[in-house]
Amino acid sequence: MKEKLYNGYTLEEVEKLAVKELGVPKEDMYFDEISETEINVIVDANPVKKGKDFLEQYLKNANILGFVERKMRDNVVEYSITTEDANAVLIGKNSKTLLALQYVTSLVVNRYFDLEKESGLIVKVDVGDYRKKRDENLEKLAVRIAKEVARTKIPVKLRAMNVYERKVIHTKLADWKHVTTHSEGVDPNRCLIIEPRK
């Protein structure tokens, strides 16, 4: 969590400075007055809950009836959104809305960490198990193509994918002995290549 020592300021001045410099709301900080001239500011919040709160507020603001579940595994936090009839809206064309939602949620969660001194959390957002099913399909595709490339020794260029989808395939094939992966091109037309390992 973020922490900073301020010297030579009043409590009121430190409160304003800390909000600006640490980038989190005042209510998420603890102000420890060490002496008349020293105040230590400690960010005191649950980042995982803050991510869930953000998503719930987003649904409320968008007039979408749904709920958010959260799961933690190591340094990965997964938020699963379930709605009655708004899944398609939250996913968007080519899952662009879902990616944007995941990106903003990651910013909300990780602003509570001092990323120069500690690692933050990997944030994943899913809607109606869309991403889970999509990941499974991408992994199956990766394995099928990798076996073909290992057998034929001919590289295969996959269709353009977003950064998240490319990462799923990179990760799935990272430990394969006979193939390797890399990306080529510029987003949104960046493609992933599966090729024989030299």
N, C-alpha and C. Protein backbone atom coordinates (compact mmCIF):
# COMPACT_ATOMS: atom_id res chain seq x y z
N MET A 1 0.84 -1.19 0.00
CA MET A 1 0.00 0.00 0.00
C MET A 1 0.88 1.25 0.00
N LYS A 2 0.34 2.31 -0.57
CA LYS A 2 1.08 3.57 -0.62
C LYS A 2 1.25 4.16 0.77
N GLU A 3 2.38 4.83 0.97
CA GLU A 3 2.67 5.49 2.25
C GLU A 3 3.63 6.65 1.98
N LYS A 4 3.42 7.78 2.66
CA LYS A 4 4.31 8.92 2.45
C LYS A 4 4.40 9.77 3.72
N LEU A 5 5.61 10.22 4.01
CA LEU A 5 5.85 11.07 5.18
C LEU A 5 5.92 12.53 4.73
N TYR A 6 5.13 13.39 5.38
CA TYR A 6 5.11 14.82 5.06
C TYR A 6 5.70 15.61 6.23
N ASN A 7 6.59 16.54 5.89
CA ASN A 7 7.22 17.39 6.90
C ASN A 7 6.85 18.85 6.70
N GLY A 8 6.58 19.56 7.79
CA GLY A 8 6.39 21.01 7.73
C GLY A 8 5.06 21.47 7.17
N TYR A 9 4.04 20.63 7.23
CA TYR A 9 2.71 21.01 6.75
C TYR A 9 1.68 20.82 7.86
N THR A 10 0.61 21.57 7.77
CA THR A 10 -0.51 21.35 8.68
C THR A 10 -1.28 20.11 8.20
N LEU A 11 -2.12 19.58 9.07
CA LEU A 11 -2.92 18.40 8.71
C LEU A 11 -3.80 18.70 7.50
N GLU A 12 -4.39 19.89 7.48
CA GLU A 12 -5.25 20.27 6.36
C GLU A 12 -4.48 20.31 5.05
N GLU A 13 -3.25 20.83 5.10
CA GLU A 13 -2.41 20.89 3.90
C GLU A 13 -2.01 19.49 3.44
N VAL A 14 -1.67 18.64 4.41
CA VAL A 14 -1.27 17.26 4.08
C VAL A 14 -2.43 16.50 3.44
N GLU A 15 -3.63 16.70 3.95
CA GLU A 15 -4.80 16.03 3.39
C GLU A 15 -4.97 16.36 1.92
N LYS A 16 -4.83 17.64 1.58
CA LYS A 16 -4.97 18.06 0.17
C LYS A 16 -3.83 17.52 -0.68
N LEU A 17 -2.60 17.62 -0.15
CA LEU A 17 -1.43 17.15 -0.89
C LEU A 17 -1.49 15.65 -1.13
N ALA A 18 -1.86 14.90 -0.10
CA ALA A 18 -1.89 13.44 -0.20
C ALA A 18 -2.91 12.96 -1.22
N VAL A 19 -4.08 13.58 -1.23
CA VAL A 19 -5.11 13.21 -2.21
C VAL A 19 -4.57 13.42 -3.62
N LYS A 20 -3.87 14.55 -3.82
CA LYS A 20 -3.33 14.87 -5.14
C LYS A 20 -2.16 13.94 -5.51
N GLU A 21 -1.24 13.72 -4.58
CA GLU A 21 -0.02 12.98 -4.89
C GLU A 21 -0.20 11.46 -4.85
N LEU A 22 -1.03 10.97 -3.94
CA LEU A 22 -1.21 9.53 -3.83
C LEU A 22 -2.36 9.01 -4.70
N GLY A 23 -3.21 9.93 -5.15
CA GLY A 23 -4.24 9.57 -6.13
C GLY A 23 -5.38 8.73 -5.61
N VAL A 24 -5.65 8.81 -4.31
CA VAL A 24 -6.79 8.08 -3.75
C VAL A 24 -7.61 9.04 -2.89
N PRO A 25 -8.90 8.75 -2.68
CA PRO A 25 -9.75 9.64 -1.88
C PRO A 25 -9.26 9.75 -0.43
N LYS A 26 -9.55 10.87 0.18
CA LYS A 26 -9.15 11.14 1.57
C LYS A 26 -9.66 10.07 2.54
N GLU A 27 -10.88 9.59 2.30
CA GLU A 27 -11.45 8.60 3.21
C GLU A 27 -10.73 7.25 3.16
N ASP A 28 -9.87 7.07 2.15
CA ASP A 28 -9.11 5.82 2.03
C ASP A 28 -7.70 5.95 2.59
N MET A 29 -7.46 7.02 3.37
CA MET A 29 -6.13 7.24 3.95
C MET A 29 -6.20 7.35 5.46
N TYR A 30 -5.10 6.96 6.11
CA TYR A 30 -4.95 7.12 7.55
C TYR A 30 -3.85 8.15 7.79
N PHE A 31 -4.13 9.17 8.58
CA PHE A 31 -3.18 10.25 8.84
C PHE A 31 -2.62 10.09 10.25
N ASP A 32 -1.34 9.73 10.32
CA ASP A 32 -0.67 9.50 11.60
C ASP A 32 0.21 10.70 11.94
N GLU A 33 -0.24 11.51 12.91
CA GLU A 33 0.51 12.70 13.32
C GLU A 33 1.63 12.29 14.27
N ILE A 34 2.83 12.14 13.72
CA ILE A 34 3.99 11.69 14.49
C ILE A 34 4.46 12.80 15.44
N SER A 35 4.49 14.03 14.92
CA SER A 35 4.85 15.20 15.74
C SER A 35 4.11 16.40 15.18
N GLU A 36 4.43 17.58 15.71
CA GLU A 36 3.76 18.79 15.22
C GLU A 36 4.09 19.07 13.76
N THR A 37 5.27 18.61 13.33
CA THR A 37 5.71 18.92 11.96
C THR A 37 5.75 17.69 11.04
N GLU A 38 5.52 16.52 11.59
CA GLU A 38 5.59 15.30 10.79
C GLU A 38 4.26 14.56 10.78
N ILE A 39 3.78 14.27 9.58
CA ILE A 39 2.54 13.49 9.43
C ILE A 39 2.80 12.37 8.42
N ASN A 40 2.56 11.15 8.86
CA ASN A 40 2.73 10.00 7.97
C ASN A 40 1.36 9.62 7.41
N VAL A 41 1.28 9.50 6.08
CA VAL A 41 0.02 9.16 5.44
C VAL A 41 0.10 7.73 4.91
N ILE A 42 -0.84 6.92 5.32
CA ILE A 42 -0.87 5.51 4.90
C ILE A 42 -2.20 5.25 4.20
N VAL A 43 -2.12 4.70 3.00
CA VAL A 43 -3.34 4.32 2.30
C VAL A 43 -3.91 3.09 3.00
N ASP A 44 -5.15 3.21 3.43
CA ASP A 44 -5.78 2.17 4.24
C ASP A 44 -7.12 1.79 3.61
N ALA A 45 -7.06 0.87 2.65
CA ALA A 45 -8.29 0.47 1.95
C ALA A 45 -8.11 -0.95 1.42
N ASN A 46 -9.22 -1.58 1.09
CA ASN A 46 -9.19 -2.91 0.49
C ASN A 46 -9.37 -2.74 -1.03
N PRO A 47 -8.25 -2.84 -1.79
CA PRO A 47 -8.32 -2.60 -3.24
C PRO A 47 -9.30 -3.52 -3.97
N VAL A 48 -9.40 -4.78 -3.51
CA VAL A 48 -10.28 -5.75 -4.17
C VAL A 48 -11.74 -5.32 -3.99
N LYS A 49 -12.08 -4.87 -2.79
CA LYS A 49 -13.44 -4.37 -2.53
C LYS A 49 -13.70 -3.10 -3.34
N LYS A 50 -12.68 -2.26 -3.47
CA LYS A 50 -12.84 -1.02 -4.25
C LYS A 50 -13.17 -1.33 -5.71
N GLY A 51 -12.54 -2.37 -6.25
CA GLY A 51 -12.84 -2.79 -7.62
C GLY A 51 -14.28 -3.27 -7.76
N LYS A 52 -14.73 -4.04 -6.78
CA LYS A 52 -16.12 -4.54 -6.79
C LYS A 52 -17.10 -3.37 -6.65
N ASP A 53 -16.78 -2.45 -5.74
CA ASP A 53 -17.63 -1.26 -5.56
C ASP A 53 -17.75 -0.46 -6.85
N PHE A 54 -16.62 -0.31 -7.56
CA PHE A 54 -16.60 0.43 -8.82
C PHE A 54 -17.53 -0.22 -9.85
N LEU A 55 -17.40 -1.54 -10.00
CA LEU A 55 -18.22 -2.25 -10.99
C LEU A 55 -19.70 -2.18 -10.64
N GLU A 56 -20.02 -2.32 -9.35
CA GLU A 56 -21.42 -2.23 -8.93
C GLU A 56 -21.99 -0.84 -9.19
N GLN A 57 -21.16 0.19 -8.96
CA GLN A 57 -21.61 1.56 -9.23
C GLN A 57 -21.79 1.79 -10.73
N TYR A 58 -20.90 1.18 -11.51
CA TYR A 58 -21.00 1.27 -12.98
C TYR A 58 -22.33 0.69 -13.46
N LEU A 59 -22.68 -0.49 -12.95
CA LEU A 59 -23.94 -1.13 -13.33
C LEU A 59 -25.13 -0.24 -12.93
N LYS A 60 -25.05 0.30 -11.74
CA LYS A 60 -26.13 1.17 -11.24
C LYS A 60 -26.28 2.40 -12.12
N ASN A 61 -25.15 3.05 -12.46
CA ASN A 61 -25.18 4.26 -13.30
C ASN A 61 -25.71 3.97 -14.70
N ALA A 62 -25.45 2.74 -15.18
CA ALA A 62 -25.90 2.35 -16.52
C ALA A 62 -27.32 1.76 -16.50
N ASN A 63 -27.96 1.77 -15.32
CA ASN A 63 -29.31 1.20 -15.16
C ASN A 63 -29.37 -0.27 -15.58
N ILE A 64 -28.30 -1.00 -15.21
CA ILE A 64 -28.24 -2.43 -15.52
C ILE A 64 -28.43 -3.21 -14.24
N LEU A 65 -29.40 -4.12 -14.26
CA LEU A 65 -29.66 -4.95 -13.09
C LEU A 65 -28.72 -6.16 -13.14
N GLY A 66 -27.85 -6.25 -12.16
CA GLY A 66 -26.91 -7.36 -12.13
C GLY A 66 -26.14 -7.38 -10.84
N PHE A 67 -25.29 -8.39 -10.69
CA PHE A 67 -24.46 -8.42 -9.49
C PHE A 67 -23.04 -8.86 -9.85
N VAL A 68 -22.12 -8.56 -8.93
CA VAL A 68 -20.69 -8.79 -9.17
C VAL A 68 -20.16 -9.74 -8.11
N GLU A 69 -19.49 -10.80 -8.56
CA GLU A 69 -18.80 -11.71 -7.64
C GLU A 69 -17.30 -11.50 -7.81
N ARG A 70 -16.56 -11.71 -6.73
CA ARG A 70 -15.11 -11.57 -6.83
C ARG A 70 -14.42 -12.82 -6.31
N LYS A 71 -13.30 -13.16 -6.95
CA LYS A 71 -12.51 -14.31 -6.52
C LYS A 71 -11.04 -13.92 -6.55
N MET A 72 -10.29 -14.33 -5.52
CA MET A 72 -8.86 -14.06 -5.46
C MET A 72 -8.08 -15.35 -5.60
N ARG A 73 -7.02 -15.32 -6.41
CA ARG A 73 -6.11 -16.45 -6.50
C ARG A 73 -4.70 -15.88 -6.68
N ASP A 74 -3.86 -16.07 -5.67
CA ASP A 74 -2.52 -15.47 -5.66
C ASP A 74 -2.64 -13.96 -5.85
N ASN A 75 -2.04 -13.43 -6.92
CA ASN A 75 -2.12 -11.97 -7.14
C ASN A 75 -3.12 -11.63 -8.26
N VAL A 76 -4.05 -12.54 -8.50
CA VAL A 76 -5.07 -12.32 -9.54
C VAL A 76 -6.43 -12.15 -8.88
N VAL A 77 -7.13 -11.08 -9.24
CA VAL A 77 -8.50 -10.90 -8.75
C VAL A 77 -9.43 -10.97 -9.96
N GLU A 78 -10.44 -11.82 -9.86
CA GLU A 78 -11.40 -12.00 -10.95
C GLU A 78 -12.77 -11.49 -10.51
N TYR A 79 -13.34 -10.62 -11.32
CA TYR A 79 -14.69 -10.12 -11.07
C TYR A 79 -15.61 -10.72 -12.13
N SER A 80 -16.67 -11.37 -11.68
CA SER A 80 -17.62 -11.98 -12.61
C SER A 80 -18.94 -11.24 -12.50
N ILE A 81 -19.38 -10.66 -13.62
CA ILE A 81 -20.63 -9.90 -13.65
C ILE A 81 -21.73 -10.77 -14.25
N THR A 82 -22.86 -10.81 -13.57
CA THR A 82 -24.02 -11.55 -14.07
C THR A 82 -25.19 -10.58 -14.20
N THR A 83 -25.81 -10.55 -15.39
CA THR A 83 -26.98 -9.70 -15.61
C THR A 83 -28.09 -10.54 -16.23
N GLU A 84 -29.29 -10.01 -16.22
CA GLU A 84 -30.42 -10.73 -16.81
C GLU A 84 -30.42 -10.63 -18.33
N ASP A 85 -30.19 -9.40 -18.84
CA ASP A 85 -30.31 -9.21 -20.29
C ASP A 85 -29.33 -8.19 -20.87
N ALA A 86 -28.26 -7.86 -20.11
CA ALA A 86 -27.35 -6.82 -20.59
C ALA A 86 -25.93 -7.32 -20.87
N ASN A 87 -25.77 -8.65 -20.94
CA ASN A 87 -24.43 -9.20 -21.18
C ASN A 87 -23.81 -8.68 -22.48
N ALA A 88 -24.60 -8.68 -23.55
CA ALA A 88 -24.08 -8.25 -24.86
C ALA A 88 -23.61 -6.80 -24.82
N VAL A 89 -24.36 -5.97 -24.10
CA VAL A 89 -23.99 -4.54 -24.00
C VAL A 89 -22.67 -4.39 -23.26
N LEU A 90 -22.48 -5.15 -22.18
CA LEU A 90 -21.25 -5.05 -21.39
C LEU A 90 -20.04 -5.67 -22.09
N ILE A 91 -20.29 -6.63 -22.95
CA ILE A 91 -19.18 -7.24 -23.70
C ILE A 91 -18.79 -6.37 -24.89
N GLY A 92 -19.77 -5.90 -25.65
CA GLY A 92 -19.50 -5.03 -26.79
C GLY A 92 -18.97 -5.78 -28.00
N LYS A 93 -18.86 -5.05 -29.11
CA LYS A 93 -18.36 -5.65 -30.35
C LYS A 93 -16.88 -5.99 -30.20
N ASN A 94 -16.52 -7.22 -30.57
CA ASN A 94 -15.15 -7.72 -30.41
C ASN A 94 -14.66 -7.58 -28.97
N SER A 95 -15.58 -7.64 -28.02
CA SER A 95 -15.33 -7.53 -26.58
C SER A 95 -14.62 -6.25 -26.17
N LYS A 96 -14.79 -5.19 -26.98
CA LYS A 96 -14.11 -3.93 -26.68
C LYS A 96 -14.62 -3.28 -25.40
N THR A 97 -15.92 -3.35 -25.15
CA THR A 97 -16.47 -2.76 -23.92
C THR A 97 -15.95 -3.51 -22.69
N LEU A 98 -15.91 -4.83 -22.79
CA LEU A 98 -15.41 -5.65 -21.69
C LEU A 98 -13.94 -5.34 -21.41
N LEU A 99 -13.14 -5.20 -22.45
CA LEU A 99 -11.72 -4.87 -22.28
C LEU A 99 -11.54 -3.52 -21.61
N ALA A 100 -12.36 -2.54 -22.04
CA ALA A 100 -12.28 -1.20 -21.44
C ALA A 100 -12.68 -1.25 -19.97
N LEU A 101 -13.71 -2.02 -19.68
CA LEU A 101 -14.18 -2.16 -18.30
C LEU A 101 -13.10 -2.81 -17.43
N GLN A 102 -12.43 -3.80 -17.98
CA GLN A 102 -11.34 -4.46 -17.26
C GLN A 102 -10.18 -3.49 -17.03
N TYR A 103 -9.86 -2.70 -18.04
CA TYR A 103 -8.74 -1.75 -17.95
C TYR A 103 -9.01 -0.71 -16.85
N VAL A 104 -10.20 -0.13 -16.85
CA VAL A 104 -10.53 0.90 -15.86
C VAL A 104 -10.59 0.29 -14.46
N THR A 105 -11.14 -0.92 -14.33
CA THR A 105 -11.20 -1.59 -13.03
C THR A 105 -9.79 -1.85 -12.50
N SER A 106 -8.88 -2.22 -13.40
CA SER A 106 -7.49 -2.44 -13.01
C SER A 106 -6.86 -1.14 -12.49
N LEU A 107 -7.17 -0.02 -13.13
CA LEU A 107 -6.67 1.27 -12.66
C LEU A 107 -7.20 1.59 -11.27
N VAL A 108 -8.49 1.32 -11.06
CA VAL A 108 -9.12 1.58 -9.76
C VAL A 108 -8.44 0.75 -8.66
N VAL A 109 -8.24 -0.54 -8.94
CA VAL A 109 -7.66 -1.44 -7.95
C VAL A 109 -6.20 -1.09 -7.65
N ASN A 110 -5.43 -0.86 -8.70
CA ASN A 110 -3.98 -0.71 -8.53
C ASN A 110 -3.52 0.68 -8.12
N ARG A 111 -4.44 1.64 -8.06
CA ARG A 111 -4.03 2.96 -7.60
C ARG A 111 -3.73 2.97 -6.09
N TYR A 112 -4.12 1.90 -5.41
CA TYR A 112 -3.86 1.80 -3.97
C TYR A 112 -2.47 1.23 -3.67
N PHE A 113 -1.78 0.74 -4.70
CA PHE A 113 -0.45 0.15 -4.51
C PHE A 113 0.64 1.12 -4.97
N ASP A 114 1.78 1.07 -4.30
CA ASP A 114 2.95 1.81 -4.76
C ASP A 114 3.68 0.90 -5.74
N LEU A 115 3.37 1.07 -7.03
CA LEU A 115 3.84 0.12 -8.04
C LEU A 115 5.35 0.18 -8.30
N GLU A 116 6.02 1.21 -7.74
CA GLU A 116 7.48 1.26 -7.84
C GLU A 116 8.14 0.35 -6.80
N LYS A 117 7.40 0.05 -5.73
CA LYS A 117 7.96 -0.75 -4.64
C LYS A 117 7.30 -2.12 -4.49
N GLU A 118 6.11 -2.27 -5.02
CA GLU A 118 5.38 -3.53 -4.86
C GLU A 118 4.59 -3.84 -6.12
N SER A 119 4.31 -5.11 -6.31
CA SER A 119 3.51 -5.47 -7.47
C SER A 119 2.04 -5.32 -7.11
N GLY A 120 1.26 -4.84 -8.05
CA GLY A 120 -0.17 -4.70 -7.83
C GLY A 120 -0.87 -6.02 -8.08
N LEU A 121 -2.12 -5.93 -8.46
CA LEU A 121 -2.91 -7.13 -8.73
C LEU A 121 -3.23 -7.22 -10.22
N ILE A 122 -3.29 -8.43 -10.73
CA ILE A 122 -3.76 -8.66 -12.09
C ILE A 122 -5.29 -8.72 -11.99
N VAL A 123 -5.94 -7.87 -12.76
CA VAL A 123 -7.40 -7.76 -12.68
C VAL A 123 -8.04 -8.37 -13.92
N LYS A 124 -9.01 -9.26 -13.71
CA LYS A 124 -9.77 -9.83 -14.81
C LYS A 124 -11.25 -9.57 -14.57
N VAL A 125 -11.94 -9.18 -15.62
CA VAL A 125 -13.38 -8.95 -15.54
C VAL A 125 -14.06 -9.83 -16.58
N ASP A 126 -15.09 -10.55 -16.15
CA ASP A 126 -15.83 -11.41 -17.07
C ASP A 126 -17.32 -11.09 -16.97
N VAL A 127 -18.03 -11.31 -18.05
CA VAL A 127 -19.48 -11.08 -18.07
C VAL A 127 -20.16 -12.35 -18.58
N GLY A 128 -21.00 -12.93 -17.73
CA GLY A 128 -21.74 -14.13 -18.14
C GLY A 128 -20.86 -15.26 -18.63
N ASP A 129 -19.66 -15.38 -18.03
CA ASP A 129 -18.68 -16.42 -18.41
C ASP A 129 -18.19 -16.30 -19.85
N TYR A 130 -18.39 -15.15 -20.48
CA TYR A 130 -17.94 -14.95 -21.87
C TYR A 130 -16.43 -15.18 -21.98
N ARG A 131 -15.68 -14.52 -21.10
CA ARG A 131 -14.22 -14.59 -21.18
C ARG A 131 -13.72 -16.00 -20.88
N LYS A 132 -14.33 -16.65 -19.92
CA LYS A 132 -13.92 -18.01 -19.58
C LYS A 132 -14.07 -18.93 -20.79
N LYS A 133 -15.23 -18.86 -21.45
CA LYS A 133 -15.47 -19.69 -22.64
C LYS A 133 -14.53 -19.29 -23.78
N ARG A 134 -14.33 -17.97 -23.93
CA ARG A 134 -13.44 -17.47 -24.98
C ARG A 134 -12.00 -17.95 -24.75
N ASP A 135 -11.55 -17.87 -23.50
CA ASP A 135 -10.20 -18.34 -23.18
C ASP A 135 -10.03 -19.82 -23.48
N GLU A 136 -11.03 -20.61 -23.12
CA GLU A 136 -10.97 -22.05 -23.39
C GLU A 136 -10.87 -22.32 -24.89
N ASN A 137 -11.66 -21.58 -25.69
CA ASN A 137 -11.61 -21.75 -27.14
C ASN A 137 -10.27 -21.32 -27.72
N LEU A 138 -9.73 -20.22 -27.20
CA LEU A 138 -8.42 -19.74 -27.67
C LEU A 138 -7.32 -20.74 -27.34
N GLU A 139 -7.40 -21.32 -26.14
CA GLU A 139 -6.39 -22.31 -25.74
C GLU A 139 -6.47 -23.57 -26.61
N LYS A 140 -7.69 -23.99 -26.93
CA LYS A 140 -7.87 -25.15 -27.83
C LYS A 140 -7.29 -24.84 -29.20
N LEU A 141 -7.57 -23.63 -29.71
CA LEU A 141 -7.03 -23.21 -31.01
C LEU A 141 -5.50 -23.21 -30.97
N ALA A 142 -4.94 -22.65 -29.89
CA ALA A 142 -3.48 -22.57 -29.74
C ALA A 142 -2.85 -23.96 -29.79
N VAL A 143 -3.42 -24.90 -29.07
CA VAL A 143 -2.88 -26.27 -29.02
C VAL A 143 -2.98 -26.94 -30.39
N ARG A 144 -4.13 -26.78 -31.05
CA ARG A 144 -4.34 -27.40 -32.37
C ARG A 144 -3.33 -26.87 -33.38
N ILE A 145 -3.17 -25.53 -33.43
CA ILE A 145 -2.24 -24.93 -34.39
C ILE A 145 -0.79 -25.27 -34.03
N ALA A 146 -0.47 -25.26 -32.73
CA ALA A 146 0.90 -25.56 -32.30
C ALA A 146 1.31 -26.98 -32.70
N LYS A 147 0.39 -27.93 -32.57
CA LYS A 147 0.69 -29.31 -32.98
C LYS A 147 0.95 -29.38 -34.49
N GLU A 148 0.14 -28.62 -35.23
CA GLU A 148 0.31 -28.59 -36.69
C GLU A 148 1.66 -27.99 -37.07
N VAL A 149 2.04 -26.88 -36.41
CA VAL A 149 3.32 -26.21 -36.68
C VAL A 149 4.49 -27.11 -36.30
N ALA A 150 4.38 -27.79 -35.16
CA ALA A 150 5.44 -28.70 -34.73
C ALA A 150 5.63 -29.84 -35.73
N ARG A 151 4.51 -30.29 -36.33
CA ARG A 151 4.56 -31.40 -37.29
C ARG A 151 5.07 -30.96 -38.65
N THR A 152 4.58 -29.82 -39.14
CA THR A 152 4.91 -29.39 -40.51
C THR A 152 6.13 -28.48 -40.59
N LYS A 153 6.50 -27.87 -39.45
CA LYS A 153 7.61 -26.88 -39.39
C LYS A 153 7.30 -25.63 -40.20
N ILE A 154 6.00 -25.39 -40.45
CA ILE A 154 5.57 -24.20 -41.20
C ILE A 154 4.87 -23.24 -40.23
N PRO A 155 5.34 -21.96 -40.15
CA PRO A 155 4.71 -20.99 -39.24
C PRO A 155 3.26 -20.71 -39.65
N VAL A 156 2.43 -20.39 -38.69
CA VAL A 156 1.03 -20.03 -38.94
C VAL A 156 0.75 -18.66 -38.34
N LYS A 157 0.17 -17.80 -39.17
CA LYS A 157 -0.22 -16.46 -38.72
C LYS A 157 -1.72 -16.47 -38.41
N LEU A 158 -2.06 -16.15 -37.15
CA LEU A 158 -3.46 -16.12 -36.75
C LEU A 158 -4.08 -14.78 -37.12
N ARG A 159 -5.41 -14.72 -37.11
CA ARG A 159 -6.10 -13.46 -37.42
C ARG A 159 -5.77 -12.41 -36.37
N ALA A 160 -6.05 -11.16 -36.66
CA ALA A 160 -5.79 -10.07 -35.72
C ALA A 160 -6.56 -10.30 -34.42
N MET A 161 -5.87 -10.08 -33.30
CA MET A 161 -6.48 -10.26 -31.98
C MET A 161 -6.10 -9.10 -31.08
N ASN A 162 -6.92 -8.87 -30.06
CA ASN A 162 -6.55 -7.83 -29.10
C ASN A 162 -5.47 -8.36 -28.16
N VAL A 163 -4.90 -7.46 -27.38
CA VAL A 163 -3.75 -7.80 -26.54
C VAL A 163 -4.08 -8.91 -25.54
N TYR A 164 -5.28 -8.91 -25.00
CA TYR A 164 -5.66 -9.93 -24.02
C TYR A 164 -5.69 -11.32 -24.67
N GLU A 165 -6.30 -11.41 -25.87
CA GLU A 165 -6.41 -12.69 -26.56
C GLU A 165 -5.03 -13.23 -26.95
N ARG A 166 -4.16 -12.31 -27.41
CA ARG A 166 -2.80 -12.74 -27.77
C ARG A 166 -2.06 -13.28 -26.55
N LYS A 167 -2.28 -12.63 -25.41
CA LYS A 167 -1.60 -13.06 -24.18
C LYS A 167 -2.06 -14.45 -23.75
N VAL A 168 -3.35 -14.76 -23.94
CA VAL A 168 -3.87 -16.09 -23.60
C VAL A 168 -3.10 -17.16 -24.38
N ILE A 169 -2.88 -16.91 -25.67
CA ILE A 169 -2.18 -17.88 -26.52
C ILE A 169 -0.69 -17.93 -26.19
N HIS A 170 -0.07 -16.75 -26.01
CA HIS A 170 1.35 -16.72 -25.60
C HIS A 170 1.56 -17.55 -24.34
N THR A 171 0.70 -17.34 -23.34
CA THR A 171 0.82 -18.03 -22.05
C THR A 171 0.62 -19.54 -22.21
N LYS A 172 -0.37 -19.92 -23.01
CA LYS A 172 -0.67 -21.35 -23.20
C LYS A 172 0.51 -22.09 -23.83
N LEU A 173 1.22 -21.42 -24.73
CA LEU A 173 2.30 -22.09 -25.47
C LEU A 173 3.70 -21.75 -24.96
N ALA A 174 3.77 -21.01 -23.87
CA ALA A 174 5.07 -20.53 -23.37
C ALA A 174 6.05 -21.66 -23.07
N ASP A 175 5.56 -22.80 -22.58
CA ASP A 175 6.45 -23.90 -22.19
C ASP A 175 6.59 -24.99 -23.25
N TRP A 176 6.04 -24.76 -24.41
CA TRP A 176 6.14 -25.78 -25.46
C TRP A 176 7.58 -25.86 -25.99
N LYS A 177 8.05 -27.08 -26.20
CA LYS A 177 9.44 -27.28 -26.63
C LYS A 177 9.64 -27.00 -28.12
N HIS A 178 8.63 -27.29 -28.94
CA HIS A 178 8.84 -27.29 -30.39
C HIS A 178 8.29 -26.06 -31.11
N VAL A 179 7.55 -25.20 -30.39
CA VAL A 179 7.03 -23.99 -31.04
C VAL A 179 7.26 -22.77 -30.15
N THR A 180 7.24 -21.61 -30.79
CA THR A 180 7.33 -20.35 -30.06
C THR A 180 6.33 -19.37 -30.66
N THR A 181 6.05 -18.29 -29.97
CA THR A 181 5.08 -17.32 -30.46
C THR A 181 5.64 -15.91 -30.40
N HIS A 182 5.18 -15.07 -31.30
CA HIS A 182 5.47 -13.64 -31.23
C HIS A 182 4.37 -12.89 -31.99
N SER A 183 4.30 -11.59 -31.74
CA SER A 183 3.26 -10.78 -32.39
C SER A 183 3.89 -9.86 -33.43
N GLU A 184 3.12 -9.57 -34.47
CA GLU A 184 3.56 -8.67 -35.54
C GLU A 184 2.45 -7.70 -35.88
N GLY A 185 2.85 -6.50 -36.35
CA GLY A 185 1.85 -5.52 -36.79
C GLY A 185 1.51 -4.52 -35.70
N VAL A 186 0.56 -3.66 -36.02
CA VAL A 186 0.15 -2.58 -35.12
C VAL A 186 -1.33 -2.75 -34.79
N ASP A 187 -1.67 -2.56 -33.51
CA ASP A 187 -3.09 -2.64 -33.11
C ASP A 187 -3.91 -1.64 -33.89
N PRO A 188 -5.13 -1.96 -34.31
CA PRO A 188 -5.91 -3.15 -33.95
C PRO A 188 -5.68 -4.34 -34.88
N ASN A 189 -4.68 -4.24 -35.77
CA ASN A 189 -4.44 -5.32 -36.73
C ASN A 189 -3.22 -6.17 -36.36
N ARG A 190 -2.84 -6.15 -35.09
CA ARG A 190 -1.68 -6.93 -34.65
C ARG A 190 -2.04 -8.41 -34.59
N CYS A 191 -1.18 -9.23 -35.18
CA CYS A 191 -1.43 -10.67 -35.28
C CYS A 191 -0.39 -11.47 -34.51
N LEU A 192 -0.76 -12.68 -34.16
CA LEU A 192 0.14 -13.57 -33.45
C LEU A 192 0.63 -14.65 -34.40
N ILE A 193 1.92 -14.92 -34.34
CA ILE A 193 2.54 -15.94 -35.18
C ILE A 193 2.96 -17.10 -34.30
N ILE A 194 2.59 -18.32 -34.70
CA ILE A 194 3.09 -19.54 -34.04
C ILE A 194 4.06 -20.16 -35.02
N GLU A 195 5.32 -20.35 -34.57
CA GLU A 195 6.34 -20.85 -35.50
C GLU A 195 7.21 -21.91 -34.82
N PRO A 196 7.92 -22.72 -35.62
CA PRO A 196 8.79 -23.74 -35.04
C PRO A 196 9.90 -23.09 -34.21
N ARG A 197 10.22 -23.69 -33.09
CA ARG A 197 11.32 -23.18 -32.26
C ARG A 197 12.64 -23.59 -32.90
N LYS A 198 13.57 -22.63 -32.98
CA LYS A 198 14.85 -22.91 -33.65
C LYS A 198 15.82 -23.55 -32.68
